[in-house]
Amino acid sequence: MVHAAVIKAVIFASIIVGGATYFAETAQPMKAGLIATIPVALPAIWFMTIDVNDRGKLEDYAWTFMLGIASYFLAAVTFYYLFVHRRFDKKKAIGCSMAVWLGLVILSYFFLSTRKLH
């Protein structure tokens, strides 16, 4: 059952990434940017096989999902600032943005691993 849920989530995420790439490559970058912001992790809850009565696990997921989105937002702002305002090369701006995201996620993980959420 878990494998089927994972396969469905992978297909869903692939469609979003593929759609964003398609629109970006066909000279519709504004549509690509909007499609790329479709939250993959939020609909993933539908595919989770966690027992519906175990609200604690889903509440933990919701909390860490929110932290992840905040990290992603800050990474997106970093990319925009470096690429548009500082004129960084695309790959360098992406690398720096991913480093910001990864650093924030790691900090969140270590902060949360010292506490019991549920």
Protein backbone atom coordinates (compact mmCIF):
# COMPACT_ATOMS: atom_id res chain seq x y z
CA MET A 1 0.00 0.00 0.00
CA VAL A 2 2.83 2.40 0.84
CA HIS A 3 4.50 1.76 -2.53
CA ALA A 4 1.35 2.70 -4.45
CA ALA A 5 1.07 5.95 -2.49
CA VAL A 6 4.70 6.81 -3.22
CA ILE A 7 4.28 6.06 -6.93
CA LYS A 8 1.19 8.30 -7.10
CA ALA A 9 3.05 11.13 -5.33
CA VAL A 10 6.04 10.80 -7.69
CA ILE A 11 3.76 10.97 -10.73
CA PHE A 12 1.97 14.02 -9.30
CA ALA A 13 5.25 15.84 -8.59
CA SER A 14 6.65 14.89 -12.00
CA ILE A 15 3.64 16.39 -13.75
CA ILE A 16 4.13 19.67 -11.88
CA VAL A 17 7.87 19.88 -12.60
CA GLY A 18 7.35 18.78 -16.19
CA GLY A 19 4.57 21.30 -16.70
CA ALA A 20 6.64 24.15 -15.31
CA THR A 21 9.59 23.17 -17.51
CA TYR A 22 7.37 22.91 -20.59
CA PHE A 23 5.86 26.35 -20.07
CA ALA A 24 9.28 27.88 -19.35
CA GLU A 25 10.72 26.37 -22.54
CA THR A 26 7.76 27.50 -24.69
CA ALA A 27 8.26 31.17 -23.84
CA GLN A 28 5.59 31.36 -21.16
CA PRO A 29 7.76 31.95 -18.07
CA MET A 30 5.00 33.68 -16.10
CA LYS A 31 2.83 30.56 -16.38
CA ALA A 32 5.83 28.39 -15.55
CA GLY A 33 6.51 30.35 -12.38
CA LEU A 34 2.91 30.00 -11.25
CA ILE A 35 2.73 26.29 -12.04
CA ALA A 36 6.01 25.65 -10.25
CA THR A 37 4.54 27.11 -7.08
CA ILE A 38 1.85 24.44 -6.87
CA PRO A 39 2.65 22.90 -3.50
CA VAL A 40 3.63 19.30 -4.06
CA ALA A 41 3.87 18.45 -0.37
CA LEU A 42 0.37 19.61 0.59
CA PRO A 43 -1.53 17.32 -1.82
CA ALA A 44 0.88 14.56 -0.79
CA ILE A 45 -1.25 14.23 2.35
CA TRP A 46 -3.88 12.55 0.16
CA PHE A 47 -1.38 9.88 -0.75
CA MET A 48 -0.17 9.24 2.80
CA THR A 49 -1.14 5.96 4.35
CA ILE A 50 -0.99 7.30 7.90
CA ASP A 51 -4.00 6.17 9.92
CA VAL A 52 -6.65 8.90 9.82
CA ASN A 53 -7.11 8.55 13.58
CA ASP A 54 -3.43 9.38 14.18
CA ARG A 55 -3.82 13.16 14.05
CA GLY A 56 -0.51 13.67 15.82
CA LYS A 57 1.55 12.49 12.85
CA LEU A 58 -0.41 14.65 10.43
CA GLU A 59 -0.14 17.64 12.77
CA ASP A 60 3.64 17.10 12.90
CA TYR A 61 3.70 16.91 9.11
CA ALA A 62 1.68 20.14 8.85
CA TRP A 63 4.07 21.95 11.21
CA THR A 64 7.22 20.81 9.44
CA PHE A 65 5.56 21.45 6.05
CA MET A 66 5.05 25.05 7.14
CA LEU A 67 8.71 25.32 8.16
CA GLY A 68 9.77 23.84 4.84
CA ILE A 69 7.62 26.31 2.90
CA ALA A 70 9.11 29.20 4.89
CA SER A 71 12.59 27.91 4.00
CA TYR A 72 11.57 27.58 0.37
CA PHE A 73 10.18 31.13 0.36
CA LEU A 74 13.45 32.50 1.72
CA ALA A 75 15.38 30.52 -0.89
CA ALA A 76 13.14 31.95 -3.63
CA VAL A 77 13.71 35.49 -2.34
CA THR A 78 17.46 34.79 -2.26
CA PHE A 79 17.38 33.57 -5.88
CA TYR A 80 15.39 36.58 -7.02
CA TYR A 81 17.72 39.01 -5.24
CA LEU A 82 20.93 37.38 -6.47
CA PHE A 83 19.78 36.78 -10.04
CA VAL A 84 17.81 39.98 -10.70
CA HIS A 85 19.46 42.58 -8.51
CA ARG A 86 23.01 41.30 -8.10
CA ARG A 87 23.19 39.83 -11.64
CA PHE A 88 24.59 36.47 -10.50
CA ASP A 89 24.88 33.70 -13.06
CA LYS A 90 21.76 31.47 -13.02
CA LYS A 91 23.61 28.42 -11.73
CA LYS A 92 25.42 30.36 -9.01
CA ALA A 93 22.15 31.99 -7.87
CA ILE A 94 20.44 28.59 -7.79
CA GLY A 95 23.33 27.09 -5.83
CA CYS A 96 23.27 29.89 -3.27
CA SER A 97 19.48 29.65 -2.97
CA MET A 98 19.63 25.88 -2.47
CA ALA A 99 22.32 26.40 0.19
CA VAL A 100 20.01 28.84 2.00
CA TRP A 101 17.14 26.34 1.81
CA LEU A 102 19.31 23.42 2.93
CA GLY A 103 20.80 25.40 5.80
CA LEU A 104 17.36 26.42 7.07
CA VAL A 105 15.99 22.90 6.75
CA ILE A 106 18.99 21.46 8.62
CA LEU A 107 18.60 24.05 11.37
CA SER A 108 14.89 23.26 11.61
CA TYR A 109 15.61 19.53 11.74
CA PHE A 110 18.14 19.83 14.56
CA PHE A 111 15.91 22.25 16.44
CA LEU A 112 12.93 19.92 16.13
CA SER A 113 14.91 16.74 16.84
CA THR A 114 15.53 18.03 20.36
CA ARG A 115 11.77 18.26 21.02
CA LYS A 116 8.95 15.81 20.90
CA LEU A 117 6.13 17.26 18.80
CA HIS A 118 3.57 14.47 19.37
